[in-house]
Structures are given as C-alpha cells and as structure tokens.
Amino acid sequence: MSEPAPPPALKPSLEAVLMVVDEPATEEHLAKVLDRPRREIADALRELADEYTAQNRGFELRYVAGGWRYYTRARYAEAVESFVLDGQQARLTQAALETLAVVAYRQPVSRSRVSAVRGVNCDGVMRTLLQRGLIQEAGTEPETSAILYGTTHYFLERLGLTGLDELPQLAPFLPEADQVEGESQEGVPSFEVDDSGETPTDH
C-alpha cells in the first residue's frame, strides 16, 4: 500500500482559503477547516502578515473585526480605486458620514434622536446606510417603541477596527438628543430623500 500523502503546507493553505473569504475568517474557523491547532494557525497568520510587510507586497494580511482577511496596502489604494471605479466616486456623502458618526457614537439610537442631534431629517440617509450594510436594527426603545439602530460588523471591517472601543473619543463632543431643540418625533411621516440631500426638521 502506498503511504498517505502528507498534509499540505500550512501557510499556502491559509493563503488559498483567505483568497476566497467574503469576511474576516476567525482563527477558530481556520483551525477547524484545516484541522490544525489554533495556536499553530495564529502563529502562521502573524508570520504571513510580517512576511508581506517585509516584502512590501501590494496587499497585507490584517486582523480586523475578530478575523483575518487580505486588504490592499494603503499606499496602493489609489491604483485599485482607479481600476475598480474607473474614475467614478462611490464614497458616502458628507451627510451620510455625519449620520453614521452619530449612530456609531450614540448607539443604540432611534432615527428621531439622530435627526435631533444633526438638526435635519435623516430618514433618507438612514435608509442608505441600512442598504449599504453599515447600520442595522438593534431593538426598540422601551418608552416609545421606536426602532433603535447600531453599527454592523461590516462597519468595523470597513474602518479596520476590531471593536467599537477603538473609535476615537469623540462622544463627549456630541450633544445629547434631549438637549437639542426641534427634536423630530418617530411618528412623523418620513421624507423620500437620498443621501445626496436632507430635509430640515421643523423648529
């Protein structure tokens, strides 16, 4: 009988798997699918990350949002953007970025409170953020039954964070919603706007 083939090398196996993941892969999952001890997986991943950096490769292996994934190295982002977008911009508008910041720092938070902090009706922008997978429903407010929103795992991934505790300390500079005049009510009709424009709240 022929001897069983030796198991494939670990680092190339990790590279092959990480090339096809849709989201950061955890060390536990990689250890399970490759049938190797987690410690061995963790060491190999860090060695790969260091090797890519030392070789100045166009990509890097990063630990983000609880798992590992390949990312374009920042210095080459412009080249990738030019190729993928062909000169078109696909970034969030300033309005969407401001709204996302309020949700990130005040979560879980209702749409009316987001609108109160920003001083404009944010319904359209909130829908855009939901569609892009950056925020999600996070329960309801006991007093009003208003839907609450928070950021998603995808939000952490896109910002390169492992957790919300890594957000810059800006929360003290955001006003509390109940201190802002003209707070919108959850029950008022929403306005059909996209993230390129907003509707001022009534004062």
N, C-alpha and C. Protein backbone atom coordinates (compact mmCIF):
# COMPACT_ATOMS: atom_id res chain seq x y z
N MET A 1 0.84 -1.20 0.00
CA MET A 1 0.00 0.00 0.00
C MET A 1 0.87 1.25 0.00
N SER A 2 0.42 2.22 -0.75
CA SER A 2 1.16 3.48 -0.79
C SER A 2 0.88 4.27 0.48
N GLU A 3 1.87 5.01 0.90
CA GLU A 3 1.72 5.82 2.11
C GLU A 3 0.81 7.01 1.82
N PRO A 4 0.02 7.42 2.83
CA PRO A 4 -0.86 8.58 2.62
C PRO A 4 -0.04 9.82 2.32
N ALA A 5 -0.60 10.66 1.48
CA ALA A 5 0.10 11.89 1.12
C ALA A 5 0.21 12.80 2.33
N PRO A 6 1.33 13.47 2.48
CA PRO A 6 1.49 14.37 3.63
C PRO A 6 0.49 15.52 3.52
N PRO A 7 0.09 16.07 4.65
CA PRO A 7 -0.85 17.20 4.60
C PRO A 7 -0.22 18.38 3.90
N PRO A 8 -1.01 19.18 3.20
CA PRO A 8 -0.46 20.35 2.50
C PRO A 8 0.17 21.33 3.48
N ALA A 9 1.14 22.09 3.00
CA ALA A 9 1.81 23.07 3.84
C ALA A 9 0.79 24.07 4.39
N LEU A 10 1.01 24.49 5.62
CA LEU A 10 0.01 25.32 6.30
C LEU A 10 -0.12 26.72 5.70
N LYS A 11 0.98 27.41 5.50
CA LYS A 11 0.89 28.79 5.01
C LYS A 11 0.23 28.88 3.63
N PRO A 12 0.63 28.05 2.66
CA PRO A 12 -0.08 28.10 1.37
C PRO A 12 -1.56 27.76 1.50
N SER A 13 -1.88 26.86 2.42
CA SER A 13 -3.29 26.51 2.64
C SER A 13 -4.06 27.71 3.17
N LEU A 14 -3.46 28.41 4.11
CA LEU A 14 -4.11 29.61 4.65
C LEU A 14 -4.30 30.66 3.56
N GLU A 15 -3.28 30.84 2.73
CA GLU A 15 -3.38 31.81 1.64
C GLU A 15 -4.52 31.45 0.69
N ALA A 16 -4.63 30.17 0.37
CA ALA A 16 -5.66 29.73 -0.56
C ALA A 16 -7.05 29.98 0.01
N VAL A 17 -7.24 29.69 1.30
CA VAL A 17 -8.55 29.89 1.93
C VAL A 17 -8.87 31.37 2.03
N LEU A 18 -7.90 32.18 2.47
CA LEU A 18 -8.16 33.60 2.67
C LEU A 18 -8.40 34.35 1.37
N MET A 19 -7.99 33.76 0.25
CA MET A 19 -8.24 34.39 -1.03
C MET A 19 -9.72 34.38 -1.40
N VAL A 20 -10.50 33.50 -0.80
CA VAL A 20 -11.90 33.35 -1.21
C VAL A 20 -12.90 33.74 -0.12
N VAL A 21 -12.42 34.23 1.03
CA VAL A 21 -13.37 34.57 2.10
C VAL A 21 -14.11 35.85 1.76
N ASP A 22 -15.37 35.94 2.20
CA ASP A 22 -16.19 37.14 2.00
C ASP A 22 -16.11 38.09 3.18
N GLU A 23 -15.64 37.60 4.32
CA GLU A 23 -15.50 38.41 5.52
C GLU A 23 -14.32 37.86 6.31
N PRO A 24 -13.80 38.62 7.27
CA PRO A 24 -12.65 38.14 8.03
C PRO A 24 -12.88 36.76 8.63
N ALA A 25 -11.91 35.86 8.45
CA ALA A 25 -12.01 34.48 8.95
C ALA A 25 -11.37 34.38 10.33
N THR A 26 -12.06 33.79 11.27
CA THR A 26 -11.53 33.66 12.62
C THR A 26 -10.49 32.55 12.68
N GLU A 27 -9.61 32.65 13.66
CA GLU A 27 -8.60 31.62 13.85
C GLU A 27 -9.25 30.28 14.18
N GLU A 28 -10.34 30.32 14.93
CA GLU A 28 -11.04 29.08 15.28
C GLU A 28 -11.57 28.37 14.04
N HIS A 29 -12.17 29.14 13.14
CA HIS A 29 -12.74 28.55 11.92
C HIS A 29 -11.64 28.00 11.03
N LEU A 30 -10.55 28.75 10.88
CA LEU A 30 -9.45 28.28 10.06
C LEU A 30 -8.82 27.02 10.64
N ALA A 31 -8.72 26.97 11.95
CA ALA A 31 -8.17 25.78 12.60
C ALA A 31 -9.05 24.56 12.35
N LYS A 32 -10.36 24.79 12.35
CA LYS A 32 -11.30 23.69 12.14
C LYS A 32 -11.22 23.17 10.70
N VAL A 33 -11.28 24.07 9.73
CA VAL A 33 -11.32 23.62 8.32
C VAL A 33 -9.98 23.04 7.87
N LEU A 34 -8.89 23.49 8.48
CA LEU A 34 -7.57 22.98 8.09
C LEU A 34 -7.07 21.89 9.04
N ASP A 35 -7.87 21.61 10.06
CA ASP A 35 -7.55 20.54 11.02
C ASP A 35 -6.17 20.74 11.64
N ARG A 36 -5.95 21.93 12.13
CA ARG A 36 -4.69 22.27 12.80
C ARG A 36 -5.00 22.96 14.13
N PRO A 37 -4.08 22.92 15.09
CA PRO A 37 -4.30 23.62 16.36
C PRO A 37 -4.41 25.12 16.15
N ARG A 38 -5.24 25.77 16.94
CA ARG A 38 -5.44 27.20 16.78
C ARG A 38 -4.13 27.97 16.96
N ARG A 39 -3.31 27.56 17.93
CA ARG A 39 -2.04 28.25 18.17
C ARG A 39 -1.16 28.21 16.93
N GLU A 40 -1.15 27.09 16.26
CA GLU A 40 -0.37 26.94 15.04
C GLU A 40 -0.90 27.85 13.94
N ILE A 41 -2.22 27.93 13.84
CA ILE A 41 -2.86 28.81 12.87
C ILE A 41 -2.51 30.27 13.16
N ALA A 42 -2.63 30.66 14.42
CA ALA A 42 -2.36 32.05 14.81
C ALA A 42 -0.92 32.44 14.51
N ASP A 43 0.01 31.55 14.83
CA ASP A 43 1.42 31.85 14.56
C ASP A 43 1.68 31.99 13.06
N ALA A 44 1.10 31.10 12.27
CA ALA A 44 1.31 31.14 10.82
C ALA A 44 0.73 32.41 10.21
N LEU A 45 -0.43 32.84 10.69
CA LEU A 45 -1.05 34.05 10.17
C LEU A 45 -0.18 35.28 10.45
N ARG A 46 0.34 35.36 11.66
CA ARG A 46 1.18 36.51 12.01
C ARG A 46 2.50 36.48 11.23
N GLU A 47 3.02 35.29 11.00
CA GLU A 47 4.23 35.18 10.19
C GLU A 47 3.97 35.64 8.75
N LEU A 48 2.82 35.23 8.20
CA LEU A 48 2.47 35.66 6.85
C LEU A 48 2.34 37.18 6.78
N ALA A 49 1.65 37.76 7.77
CA ALA A 49 1.46 39.21 7.79
C ALA A 49 2.80 39.92 7.83
N ASP A 50 3.73 39.43 8.64
CA ASP A 50 5.06 40.04 8.74
C ASP A 50 5.84 39.88 7.43
N GLU A 51 5.70 38.71 6.79
CA GLU A 51 6.41 38.47 5.54
C GLU A 51 5.92 39.42 4.45
N TYR A 52 4.60 39.63 4.35
CA TYR A 52 4.05 40.53 3.34
C TYR A 52 4.56 41.95 3.55
N THR A 53 4.65 42.36 4.83
CA THR A 53 5.14 43.71 5.13
C THR A 53 6.62 43.84 4.77
N ALA A 54 7.40 42.84 5.15
CA ALA A 54 8.84 42.88 4.86
C ALA A 54 9.11 42.89 3.36
N GLN A 55 8.26 42.21 2.60
CA GLN A 55 8.42 42.14 1.15
C GLN A 55 7.78 43.32 0.42
N ASN A 56 7.11 44.18 1.19
CA ASN A 56 6.45 45.36 0.63
C ASN A 56 5.46 44.96 -0.46
N ARG A 57 4.67 43.92 -0.17
CA ARG A 57 3.69 43.46 -1.14
C ARG A 57 2.58 44.48 -1.30
N GLY A 58 1.82 44.38 -2.40
CA GLY A 58 0.74 45.33 -2.66
C GLY A 58 -0.49 45.07 -1.80
N PHE A 59 -0.49 43.98 -1.08
CA PHE A 59 -1.59 43.64 -0.17
C PHE A 59 -1.01 43.34 1.20
N GLU A 60 -1.89 43.31 2.19
CA GLU A 60 -1.48 42.96 3.54
C GLU A 60 -2.51 42.06 4.17
N LEU A 61 -2.09 41.28 5.15
CA LEU A 61 -2.99 40.41 5.90
C LEU A 61 -3.22 41.06 7.25
N ARG A 62 -4.49 41.40 7.51
CA ARG A 62 -4.80 42.15 8.72
C ARG A 62 -5.81 41.43 9.58
N TYR A 63 -5.68 41.64 10.91
CA TYR A 63 -6.65 41.12 11.88
C TYR A 63 -7.66 42.23 12.13
N VAL A 64 -8.89 42.04 11.64
CA VAL A 64 -9.93 43.07 11.71
C VAL A 64 -11.26 42.44 12.09
N ALA A 65 -11.98 43.08 13.00
CA ALA A 65 -13.34 42.63 13.37
C ALA A 65 -13.36 41.16 13.77
N GLY A 66 -12.34 40.71 14.48
CA GLY A 66 -12.34 39.36 15.01
C GLY A 66 -11.80 38.29 14.09
N GLY A 67 -11.28 38.68 12.92
CA GLY A 67 -10.79 37.67 11.99
C GLY A 67 -9.71 38.22 11.08
N TRP A 68 -9.24 37.37 10.17
CA TRP A 68 -8.15 37.72 9.26
C TRP A 68 -8.65 37.81 7.83
N ARG A 69 -8.12 38.81 7.10
CA ARG A 69 -8.51 38.97 5.70
C ARG A 69 -7.45 39.78 4.97
N TYR A 70 -7.38 39.56 3.64
CA TYR A 70 -6.45 40.34 2.82
C TYR A 70 -7.05 41.72 2.52
N TYR A 71 -6.18 42.73 2.53
CA TYR A 71 -6.58 44.09 2.19
C TYR A 71 -5.51 44.70 1.29
N THR A 72 -5.93 45.60 0.44
CA THR A 72 -4.96 46.36 -0.35
C THR A 72 -4.14 47.23 0.59
N ARG A 73 -2.82 47.24 0.39
CA ARG A 73 -1.99 48.11 1.22
C ARG A 73 -2.35 49.57 0.91
N ALA A 74 -2.41 50.38 1.94
CA ALA A 74 -2.93 51.75 1.82
C ALA A 74 -2.22 52.54 0.73
N ARG A 75 -0.92 52.35 0.58
CA ARG A 75 -0.19 53.17 -0.38
C ARG A 75 -0.58 52.86 -1.83
N TYR A 76 -1.26 51.72 -2.05
CA TYR A 76 -1.66 51.35 -3.41
C TYR A 76 -3.18 51.47 -3.63
N ALA A 77 -3.87 52.07 -2.66
CA ALA A 77 -5.33 52.18 -2.74
C ALA A 77 -5.76 52.99 -3.95
N GLU A 78 -5.01 54.02 -4.30
CA GLU A 78 -5.40 54.87 -5.42
C GLU A 78 -5.40 54.09 -6.73
N ALA A 79 -4.42 53.21 -6.90
CA ALA A 79 -4.37 52.42 -8.12
C ALA A 79 -5.57 51.48 -8.22
N VAL A 80 -5.94 50.87 -7.08
CA VAL A 80 -7.08 49.96 -7.08
C VAL A 80 -8.38 50.73 -7.33
N GLU A 81 -8.50 51.90 -6.71
CA GLU A 81 -9.70 52.71 -6.89
C GLU A 81 -9.87 53.12 -8.34
N SER A 82 -8.78 53.48 -8.99
CA SER A 82 -8.84 53.87 -10.39
C SER A 82 -9.30 52.71 -11.27
N PHE A 83 -8.84 51.51 -10.95
CA PHE A 83 -9.20 50.34 -11.73
C PHE A 83 -10.66 49.94 -11.51
N VAL A 84 -11.07 49.91 -10.23
CA VAL A 84 -12.42 49.43 -9.91
C VAL A 84 -13.49 50.45 -10.27
N LEU A 85 -13.23 51.71 -9.95
CA LEU A 85 -14.25 52.75 -10.15
C LEU A 85 -14.14 53.45 -11.49
N ASP A 86 -13.01 53.27 -12.15
CA ASP A 86 -12.79 53.91 -13.45
C ASP A 86 -13.08 55.40 -13.37
N GLY A 87 -12.57 56.02 -12.31
CA GLY A 87 -12.70 57.46 -12.16
C GLY A 87 -13.97 57.91 -11.48
N GLN A 88 -14.92 57.00 -11.24
CA GLN A 88 -16.17 57.38 -10.60
C GLN A 88 -16.03 57.28 -9.09
N GLN A 89 -16.65 58.19 -8.38
CA GLN A 89 -16.58 58.18 -6.93
C GLN A 89 -17.77 57.41 -6.35
N ALA A 90 -17.48 56.52 -5.42
CA ALA A 90 -18.54 55.74 -4.80
C ALA A 90 -18.49 55.89 -3.28
N ARG A 91 -18.06 57.06 -2.84
CA ARG A 91 -17.96 57.28 -1.41
C ARG A 91 -19.29 57.78 -0.85
N LEU A 92 -19.42 57.66 0.46
CA LEU A 92 -20.60 58.20 1.12
C LEU A 92 -20.53 59.72 1.08
N THR A 93 -21.69 60.35 1.03
CA THR A 93 -21.73 61.81 1.06
C THR A 93 -21.38 62.30 2.46
N GLN A 94 -21.13 63.59 2.58
CA GLN A 94 -20.84 64.18 3.88
C GLN A 94 -22.02 63.96 4.83
N ALA A 95 -23.24 64.09 4.30
CA ALA A 95 -24.43 63.90 5.14
C ALA A 95 -24.47 62.48 5.70
N ALA A 96 -24.16 61.49 4.85
CA ALA A 96 -24.19 60.10 5.29
C ALA A 96 -23.10 59.83 6.31
N LEU A 97 -21.91 60.39 6.11
CA LEU A 97 -20.81 60.20 7.05
C LEU A 97 -21.15 60.80 8.42
N GLU A 98 -21.76 61.99 8.42
CA GLU A 98 -22.13 62.62 9.69
C GLU A 98 -23.18 61.80 10.42
N THR A 99 -24.16 61.31 9.67
CA THR A 99 -25.21 60.49 10.27
C THR A 99 -24.63 59.19 10.82
N LEU A 100 -23.74 58.57 10.07
CA LEU A 100 -23.10 57.33 10.52
C LEU A 100 -22.30 57.56 11.79
N ALA A 101 -21.67 58.72 11.90
CA ALA A 101 -20.90 59.04 13.10
C ALA A 101 -21.81 59.14 14.32
N VAL A 102 -22.98 59.77 14.15
CA VAL A 102 -23.91 59.89 15.27
C VAL A 102 -24.38 58.51 15.72
N VAL A 103 -24.72 57.65 14.77
CA VAL A 103 -25.15 56.29 15.12
C VAL A 103 -24.02 55.55 15.84
N ALA A 104 -22.80 55.67 15.33
CA ALA A 104 -21.67 54.94 15.90
C ALA A 104 -21.42 55.33 17.35
N TYR A 105 -21.53 56.62 17.65
CA TYR A 105 -21.19 57.09 18.99
C TYR A 105 -22.37 57.10 19.96
N ARG A 106 -23.60 57.08 19.45
CA ARG A 106 -24.77 57.14 20.33
C ARG A 106 -25.57 55.84 20.35
N GLN A 107 -25.12 54.82 19.64
CA GLN A 107 -25.90 53.57 19.54
C GLN A 107 -26.08 52.90 20.91
N PRO A 108 -27.23 52.21 21.04
CA PRO A 108 -28.36 52.14 20.11
C PRO A 108 -29.16 53.43 20.15
N VAL A 109 -29.57 53.91 18.98
CA VAL A 109 -30.22 55.21 18.89
C VAL A 109 -31.33 55.17 17.85
N SER A 110 -32.40 55.92 18.09
CA SER A 110 -33.53 55.96 17.16
C SER A 110 -33.27 57.00 16.07
N ARG A 111 -34.03 56.89 14.98
CA ARG A 111 -33.89 57.86 13.90
C ARG A 111 -34.21 59.27 14.36
N SER A 112 -35.21 59.41 15.22
CA SER A 112 -35.59 60.75 15.67
C SER A 112 -34.47 61.39 16.48
N ARG A 113 -33.76 60.60 17.25
CA ARG A 113 -32.66 61.15 18.04
C ARG A 113 -31.46 61.50 17.16
N VAL A 114 -31.25 60.69 16.12
CA VAL A 114 -30.19 61.04 15.17
C VAL A 114 -30.53 62.37 14.49
N SER A 115 -31.79 62.52 14.09
CA SER A 115 -32.22 63.76 13.45
C SER A 115 -32.10 64.94 14.41
N ALA A 116 -32.38 64.70 15.70
CA ALA A 116 -32.30 65.77 16.69
C ALA A 116 -30.87 66.24 16.86
N VAL A 117 -29.93 65.31 16.90
CA VAL A 117 -28.53 65.69 17.05
C VAL A 117 -28.04 66.45 15.83
N ARG A 118 -28.45 66.03 14.64
CA ARG A 118 -27.96 66.65 13.41
C ARG A 118 -28.78 67.89 13.02
N GLY A 119 -30.00 68.00 13.51
CA GLY A 119 -30.82 69.16 13.19
C GLY A 119 -31.51 69.08 11.85
N VAL A 120 -31.50 67.93 11.21
CA VAL A 120 -32.18 67.71 9.93
C VAL A 120 -32.82 66.34 9.95
N ASN A 121 -33.83 66.15 9.11
CA ASN A 121 -34.46 64.84 8.99
C ASN A 121 -33.50 63.89 8.28
N CYS A 122 -33.18 62.77 8.92
CA CYS A 122 -32.17 61.85 8.41
C CYS A 122 -32.75 60.55 7.87
N ASP A 123 -34.06 60.48 7.64
CA ASP A 123 -34.68 59.23 7.22
C ASP A 123 -34.05 58.66 5.95
N GLY A 124 -33.87 59.51 4.94
CA GLY A 124 -33.32 59.04 3.68
C GLY A 124 -31.89 58.55 3.83
N VAL A 125 -31.10 59.28 4.60
CA VAL A 125 -29.71 58.89 4.81
C VAL A 125 -29.64 57.59 5.58
N MET A 126 -30.50 57.44 6.59
CA MET A 126 -30.53 56.20 7.37
C MET A 126 -30.85 55.00 6.48
N ARG A 127 -31.78 55.19 5.53
CA ARG A 127 -32.11 54.09 4.62
C ARG A 127 -30.89 53.70 3.77
N THR A 128 -30.15 54.72 3.34
CA THR A 128 -28.95 54.44 2.55
C THR A 128 -27.94 53.65 3.35
N LEU A 129 -27.74 54.03 4.60
CA LEU A 129 -26.78 53.32 5.46
C LEU A 129 -27.22 51.90 5.73
N LEU A 130 -28.54 51.71 5.86
CA LEU A 130 -29.08 50.35 6.03
C LEU A 130 -28.82 49.51 4.78
N GLN A 131 -29.09 50.09 3.62
CA GLN A 131 -28.91 49.37 2.36
C GLN A 131 -27.46 48.99 2.12
N ARG A 132 -26.55 49.82 2.59
CA ARG A 132 -25.12 49.55 2.41
C ARG A 132 -24.57 48.62 3.48
N GLY A 133 -25.42 48.24 4.43
CA GLY A 133 -24.98 47.29 5.45
C GLY A 133 -24.10 47.88 6.53
N LEU A 134 -24.11 49.22 6.67
CA LEU A 134 -23.27 49.85 7.68
C LEU A 134 -23.96 49.99 9.03
N ILE A 135 -25.30 50.02 9.02
CA ILE A 135 -26.07 50.04 10.27
C ILE A 135 -27.15 48.97 10.19
N GLN A 136 -27.72 48.64 11.35
CA GLN A 136 -28.76 47.62 11.42
C GLN A 136 -29.69 47.92 12.59
N GLU A 137 -30.87 47.31 12.57
CA GLU A 137 -31.79 47.47 13.69
C GLU A 137 -31.22 46.80 14.92
N ALA A 138 -31.40 47.45 16.07
CA ALA A 138 -30.81 46.95 17.31
C ALA A 138 -31.83 46.99 18.44
N GLY A 139 -33.06 46.55 18.17
CA GLY A 139 -34.09 46.51 19.19
C GLY A 139 -35.01 47.71 19.13
N THR A 140 -35.78 47.91 20.19
CA THR A 140 -36.71 49.03 20.26
C THR A 140 -36.54 49.76 21.58
N GLU A 141 -36.91 51.03 21.57
CA GLU A 141 -36.84 51.84 22.77
C GLU A 141 -38.04 51.53 23.66
N PRO A 142 -37.83 51.14 24.90
CA PRO A 142 -38.94 50.73 25.78
C PRO A 142 -40.02 51.79 25.93
N GLU A 143 -39.62 53.06 26.05
CA GLU A 143 -40.61 54.11 26.32
C GLU A 143 -41.48 54.43 25.12
N THR A 144 -40.91 54.42 23.92
CA THR A 144 -41.64 54.86 22.73
C THR A 144 -41.87 53.76 21.70
N SER A 145 -41.22 52.61 21.88
CA SER A 145 -41.26 51.50 20.90
C SER A 145 -40.61 51.89 19.58
N ALA A 146 -39.84 52.98 19.57
CA ALA A 146 -39.12 53.39 18.36
C ALA A 146 -38.01 52.38 18.07
N ILE A 147 -37.78 52.13 16.79
CA ILE A 147 -36.71 51.22 16.39
C ILE A 147 -35.37 51.87 16.68
N LEU A 148 -34.47 51.10 17.28
CA LEU A 148 -33.13 51.57 17.57
C LEU A 148 -32.15 51.02 16.54
N TYR A 149 -31.09 51.75 16.28
CA TYR A 149 -30.11 51.35 15.28
C TYR A 149 -28.70 51.35 15.87
N GLY A 150 -27.87 50.48 15.32
CA GLY A 150 -26.47 50.42 15.70
C GLY A 150 -25.65 50.07 14.49
N THR A 151 -24.34 50.13 14.63
CA THR A 151 -23.45 49.80 13.52
C THR A 151 -23.30 48.28 13.39
N THR A 152 -22.79 47.85 12.26
CA THR A 152 -22.68 46.42 11.95
C THR A 152 -21.23 45.94 11.99
N HIS A 153 -21.09 44.62 11.87
CA HIS A 153 -19.78 44.01 11.75
C HIS A 153 -19.07 44.55 10.50
N TYR A 154 -19.83 44.77 9.44
CA TYR A 154 -19.27 45.30 8.19
C TYR A 154 -18.70 46.70 8.40
N PHE A 155 -19.36 47.50 9.25
CA PHE A 155 -18.87 48.84 9.60
C PHE A 155 -17.48 48.74 10.21
N LEU A 156 -17.31 47.82 11.16
CA LEU A 156 -16.00 47.63 11.79
C LEU A 156 -14.96 47.21 10.76
N GLU A 157 -15.39 46.30 9.88
CA GLU A 157 -14.47 45.80 8.86
C GLU A 157 -14.00 46.92 7.94
N ARG A 158 -14.93 47.76 7.49
CA ARG A 158 -14.57 48.82 6.56
C ARG A 158 -13.66 49.87 7.20
N LEU A 159 -13.80 50.07 8.52
CA LEU A 159 -12.97 51.05 9.20
C LEU A 159 -11.68 50.42 9.74
N GLY A 160 -11.54 49.10 9.59
CA GLY A 160 -10.34 48.45 10.07
C GLY A 160 -10.25 48.38 11.57
N LEU A 161 -11.41 48.22 12.24
CA LEU A 161 -11.45 48.17 13.70
C LEU A 161 -11.79 46.77 14.18
N THR A 162 -11.29 46.42 15.36
CA THR A 162 -11.67 45.14 15.95
C THR A 162 -12.88 45.28 16.86
N GLY A 163 -13.19 46.50 17.30
CA GLY A 163 -14.34 46.72 18.17
C GLY A 163 -14.64 48.20 18.29
N LEU A 164 -15.81 48.51 18.82
CA LEU A 164 -16.22 49.91 18.96
C LEU A 164 -15.35 50.67 19.94
N ASP A 165 -14.67 49.96 20.83
CA ASP A 165 -13.81 50.63 21.80
C ASP A 165 -12.60 51.28 21.13
N GLU A 166 -12.37 50.97 19.85
CA GLU A 166 -11.26 51.58 19.12
C GLU A 166 -11.66 52.86 18.40
N LEU A 167 -12.93 53.24 18.47
CA LEU A 167 -13.35 54.51 17.89
C LEU A 167 -12.67 55.66 18.62
N PRO A 168 -12.30 56.73 17.91
CA PRO A 168 -11.73 57.89 18.59
C PRO A 168 -12.70 58.43 19.63
N GLN A 169 -12.17 59.02 20.69
CA GLN A 169 -13.00 59.51 21.79
C GLN A 169 -13.65 60.84 21.43
N LEU A 170 -14.75 60.76 20.65
CA LEU A 170 -15.46 61.96 20.23
C LEU A 170 -16.82 62.11 20.90
N ALA A 171 -17.31 61.06 21.53
CA ALA A 171 -18.65 61.07 22.10
C ALA A 171 -18.91 62.27 23.02
N PRO A 172 -17.95 62.69 23.86
CA PRO A 172 -18.23 63.83 24.73
C PRO A 172 -18.56 65.11 23.99
N PHE A 173 -18.19 65.20 22.70
CA PHE A 173 -18.43 66.41 21.94
C PHE A 173 -19.76 66.39 21.19
N LEU A 174 -20.47 65.24 21.21
CA LEU A 174 -21.78 65.17 20.58
C LEU A 174 -22.84 65.55 21.59
N PRO A 175 -23.75 66.45 21.25
CA PRO A 175 -24.79 66.84 22.21
C PRO A 175 -25.78 65.72 22.43
N GLU A 176 -26.31 65.65 23.64
CA GLU A 176 -27.37 64.70 23.91
C GLU A 176 -28.61 65.14 23.15
N ALA A 177 -29.37 64.16 22.63
CA ALA A 177 -30.52 64.49 21.80
C ALA A 177 -31.56 65.33 22.54
N ASP A 178 -31.73 65.07 23.85
CA ASP A 178 -32.77 65.80 24.57
C ASP A 178 -32.34 67.24 24.89
N GLN A 179 -31.09 67.59 24.54
CA GLN A 179 -30.64 68.96 24.74
C GLN A 179 -30.76 69.78 23.46
N VAL A 180 -31.15 69.12 22.38
CA VAL A 180 -31.22 69.79 21.09
C VAL A 180 -32.66 70.20 20.81
N GLU A 181 -32.86 71.45 20.45
CA GLU A 181 -34.20 71.92 20.14
C GLU A 181 -34.67 71.32 18.83
N GLY A 182 -35.98 71.18 18.73
CA GLY A 182 -36.54 70.72 17.47
C GLY A 182 -36.35 69.24 17.23
N GLU A 183 -36.29 68.45 18.30
CA GLU A 183 -36.12 67.01 18.10
C GLU A 183 -37.31 66.46 17.32
N SER A 184 -37.04 65.71 16.26
CA SER A 184 -38.12 65.15 15.46
C SER A 184 -38.74 63.98 16.20
N GLN A 185 -39.98 63.68 15.90
CA GLN A 185 -40.68 62.57 16.54
C GLN A 185 -40.68 61.35 15.64
N GLU A 186 -40.61 60.17 16.25
CA GLU A 186 -40.53 58.93 15.46
C GLU A 186 -41.79 58.72 14.63
N GLY A 187 -42.90 59.29 15.08
CA GLY A 187 -44.13 59.02 14.38
C GLY A 187 -44.42 59.93 13.20
N VAL A 188 -43.60 60.96 12.99
CA VAL A 188 -43.89 61.87 11.87
C VAL A 188 -43.57 61.18 10.56
N PRO A 189 -44.27 61.57 9.48
CA PRO A 189 -44.02 60.93 8.19
C PRO A 189 -42.58 61.16 7.75
N SER A 190 -41.99 60.16 7.14
CA SER A 190 -40.63 60.29 6.64
C SER A 190 -40.68 60.92 5.25
N PHE A 191 -39.57 61.49 4.84
CA PHE A 191 -39.49 62.14 3.55
C PHE A 191 -38.63 61.30 2.63
N GLU A 192 -39.02 61.21 1.38
CA GLU A 192 -38.28 60.42 0.41
C GLU A 192 -37.10 61.24 -0.11
N VAL A 193 -35.96 61.08 0.53
CA VAL A 193 -34.75 61.75 0.09
C VAL A 193 -33.64 60.73 0.03
N ASP A 194 -32.63 60.99 -0.80
CA ASP A 194 -31.49 60.08 -0.85
C ASP A 194 -30.35 60.72 -0.05
N ASP A 195 -29.19 60.05 -0.07
CA ASP A 195 -28.11 60.55 0.77
C ASP A 195 -27.38 61.74 0.17
N SER A 196 -27.92 62.28 -0.93
CA SER A 196 -27.29 63.47 -1.50
C SER A 196 -27.96 64.74 -1.00
N GLY A 197 -29.04 64.59 -0.23
CA GLY A 197 -29.74 65.76 0.29
C GLY A 197 -30.54 65.40 1.50
N GLU A 198 -30.94 66.38 2.27
CA GLU A 198 -31.65 66.14 3.50
C GLU A 198 -32.79 67.15 3.63
N THR A 199 -33.73 66.82 4.49
CA THR A 199 -34.85 67.70 4.72
C THR A 199 -34.75 68.27 6.12
N PRO A 200 -34.68 69.60 6.27
CA PRO A 200 -34.57 70.18 7.61
C PRO A 200 -35.76 69.80 8.48
N THR A 201 -35.50 69.58 9.76
CA THR A 201 -36.57 69.32 10.70
C THR A 201 -37.24 70.62 11.06
N ASP A 202 -38.49 70.51 11.52
CA ASP A 202 -39.21 71.71 11.93
C ASP A 202 -38.67 72.21 13.25
N HIS A 203 -38.61 73.47 13.41
CA HIS A 203 -38.17 74.08 14.67
C HIS A 203 -39.27 74.96 15.21
